[in-house]
Amino acid sequence: MDPRSRNSIIGMVLAAAASLTTLLLELPLVVPILLFLGAWLLGGYAVWNSLRRRR
């Protein structure tokens, strides 16, 4: 394997690991945001379905 491509793969793996670690450290902040977005999307879907059924 070419050393440059191997180094880029290793760099991408390290960047993904750093992102995952940051996400796990910020989990108390991320969970309410995800819950809010999920509730928002679910509410929008329910409204869209009720409007579609009325037609």
N, C-alpha and C. Protein backbone atom coordinates (compact mmCIF):
# COMPACT_ATOMS: atom_id res chain seq x y z
N MET A 1 0.85 -1.19 0.00
CA MET A 1 0.00 0.00 0.00
C MET A 1 0.89 1.24 0.00
N ASP A 2 0.46 2.22 -0.75
CA ASP A 2 1.20 3.48 -0.82
C ASP A 2 1.20 4.16 0.55
N PRO A 3 2.36 4.64 1.01
CA PRO A 3 2.41 5.27 2.34
C PRO A 3 1.49 6.48 2.48
N ARG A 4 1.29 7.22 1.39
CA ARG A 4 0.41 8.39 1.49
C ARG A 4 -1.04 7.98 1.70
N SER A 5 -1.49 6.95 0.97
CA SER A 5 -2.87 6.52 1.15
C SER A 5 -3.05 5.87 2.52
N ARG A 6 -2.03 5.14 2.99
CA ARG A 6 -2.13 4.55 4.32
C ARG A 6 -2.21 5.64 5.39
N ASN A 7 -1.41 6.68 5.23
CA ASN A 7 -1.44 7.79 6.19
C ASN A 7 -2.78 8.51 6.15
N SER A 8 -3.37 8.64 4.98
CA SER A 8 -4.66 9.33 4.90
C SER A 8 -5.75 8.48 5.54
N ILE A 9 -5.68 7.16 5.37
CA ILE A 9 -6.67 6.28 6.01
C ILE A 9 -6.52 6.36 7.53
N ILE A 10 -5.28 6.33 8.02
CA ILE A 10 -5.04 6.43 9.45
C ILE A 10 -5.54 7.78 9.97
N GLY A 11 -5.31 8.83 9.20
CA GLY A 11 -5.80 10.16 9.60
C GLY A 11 -7.31 10.22 9.67
N MET A 12 -7.99 9.59 8.71
CA MET A 12 -9.45 9.59 8.73
C MET A 12 -9.97 8.80 9.93
N VAL A 13 -9.32 7.68 10.25
CA VAL A 13 -9.74 6.88 11.40
C VAL A 13 -9.53 7.67 12.69
N LEU A 14 -8.40 8.37 12.80
CA LEU A 14 -8.15 9.18 14.00
C LEU A 14 -9.14 10.33 14.12
N ALA A 15 -9.48 10.94 12.99
CA ALA A 15 -10.46 12.03 13.02
C ALA A 15 -11.83 11.51 13.44
N ALA A 16 -12.22 10.34 12.94
CA ALA A 16 -13.50 9.75 13.33
C ALA A 16 -13.50 9.40 14.82
N ALA A 17 -12.39 8.88 15.31
CA ALA A 17 -12.30 8.54 16.74
C ALA A 17 -12.37 9.80 17.59
N ALA A 18 -11.73 10.87 17.16
CA ALA A 18 -11.78 12.13 17.90
C ALA A 18 -13.20 12.69 17.89
N SER A 19 -13.89 12.59 16.77
CA SER A 19 -15.27 13.08 16.69
C SER A 19 -16.17 12.26 17.61
N LEU A 20 -15.99 10.95 17.61
CA LEU A 20 -16.80 10.10 18.47
C LEU A 20 -16.54 10.39 19.94
N THR A 21 -15.27 10.59 20.29
CA THR A 21 -14.93 10.91 21.68
C THR A 21 -15.55 12.24 22.09
N THR A 22 -15.48 13.23 21.21
CA THR A 22 -16.08 14.53 21.51
C THR A 22 -17.58 14.41 21.67
N LEU A 23 -18.21 13.61 20.81
CA LEU A 23 -19.65 13.42 20.90
C LEU A 23 -20.03 12.75 22.22
N LEU A 24 -19.25 11.75 22.64
CA LEU A 24 -19.55 11.07 23.90
C LEU A 24 -19.32 11.99 25.10
N LEU A 25 -18.32 12.86 25.01
CA LEU A 25 -18.08 13.80 26.10
C LEU A 25 -19.18 14.85 26.18
N GLU A 26 -19.73 15.21 25.03
CA GLU A 26 -20.78 16.23 24.98
C GLU A 26 -22.17 15.61 25.01
N LEU A 27 -22.27 14.34 25.39
CA LEU A 27 -23.55 13.64 25.37
C LEU A 27 -24.64 14.33 26.18
N PRO A 28 -24.35 14.88 27.36
CA PRO A 28 -25.42 15.59 28.08
C PRO A 28 -25.99 16.77 27.29
N LEU A 29 -25.20 17.33 26.39
CA LEU A 29 -25.68 18.43 25.56
C LEU A 29 -26.39 17.92 24.30
N VAL A 30 -25.92 16.79 23.77
CA VAL A 30 -26.43 16.29 22.50
C VAL A 30 -27.80 15.64 22.65
N VAL A 31 -28.01 14.89 23.75
CA VAL A 31 -29.26 14.15 23.91
C VAL A 31 -30.49 15.05 23.89
N PRO A 32 -30.53 16.17 24.64
CA PRO A 32 -31.73 17.03 24.53
C PRO A 32 -31.93 17.61 23.14
N ILE A 33 -30.85 17.91 22.45
CA ILE A 33 -30.98 18.44 21.08
C ILE A 33 -31.60 17.38 20.17
N LEU A 34 -31.13 16.13 20.29
CA LEU A 34 -31.68 15.06 19.46
C LEU A 34 -33.14 14.79 19.81
N LEU A 35 -33.46 14.82 21.10
CA LEU A 35 -34.86 14.62 21.50
C LEU A 35 -35.75 15.74 20.97
N PHE A 36 -35.26 16.97 21.02
CA PHE A 36 -36.03 18.10 20.51
C PHE A 36 -36.26 17.97 19.00
N LEU A 37 -35.19 17.63 18.27
CA LEU A 37 -35.34 17.49 16.82
C LEU A 37 -36.27 16.33 16.47
N GLY A 38 -36.17 15.22 17.21
CA GLY A 38 -37.05 14.10 16.96
C GLY A 38 -38.51 14.45 17.22
N ALA A 39 -38.77 15.16 18.31
CA ALA A 39 -40.14 15.56 18.63
C ALA A 39 -40.67 16.55 17.59
N TRP A 40 -39.80 17.44 17.14
CA TRP A 40 -40.19 18.43 16.13
C TRP A 40 -40.56 17.74 14.82
N LEU A 41 -39.73 16.78 14.41
CA LEU A 41 -40.02 16.06 13.16
C LEU A 41 -41.28 15.21 13.29
N LEU A 42 -41.47 14.58 14.44
CA LEU A 42 -42.66 13.76 14.65
C LEU A 42 -43.92 14.62 14.65
N GLY A 43 -43.85 15.79 15.27
CA GLY A 43 -44.99 16.70 15.25
C GLY A 43 -45.30 17.19 13.86
N GLY A 44 -44.26 17.54 13.11
CA GLY A 44 -44.47 17.96 11.72
C GLY A 44 -45.07 16.86 10.86
N TYR A 45 -44.64 15.62 11.09
CA TYR A 45 -45.18 14.49 10.35
C TYR A 45 -46.65 14.27 10.69
N ALA A 46 -46.99 14.40 11.98
CA ALA A 46 -48.39 14.22 12.39
C ALA A 46 -49.27 15.30 11.78
N VAL A 47 -48.82 16.54 11.78
CA VAL A 47 -49.59 17.63 11.19
C VAL A 47 -49.74 17.43 9.69
N TRP A 48 -48.67 17.01 9.03
CA TRP A 48 -48.70 16.79 7.58
C TRP A 48 -49.69 15.68 7.24
N ASN A 49 -49.68 14.61 8.03
CA ASN A 49 -50.62 13.51 7.78
C ASN A 49 -52.07 13.95 8.00
N SER A 50 -52.33 14.73 9.05
CA SER A 50 -53.71 15.15 9.30
C SER A 50 -54.18 16.12 8.22
N LEU A 51 -53.29 16.98 7.72
CA LEU A 51 -53.69 17.87 6.64
C LEU A 51 -53.92 17.10 5.34
N ARG A 52 -53.13 16.07 5.12
CA ARG A 52 -53.26 15.29 3.89
C ARG A 52 -54.56 14.49 3.91
N ARG A 53 -54.97 14.00 5.08
CA ARG A 53 -56.21 13.21 5.18
C ARG A 53 -57.44 14.06 4.99
N ARG A 54 -57.35 15.34 5.28
CA ARG A 54 -58.54 16.22 5.15
C ARG A 54 -58.91 16.49 3.70
N ARG A 55 -57.95 16.41 2.81
CA ARG A 55 -58.22 16.72 1.40
C ARG A 55 -59.04 15.68 0.74
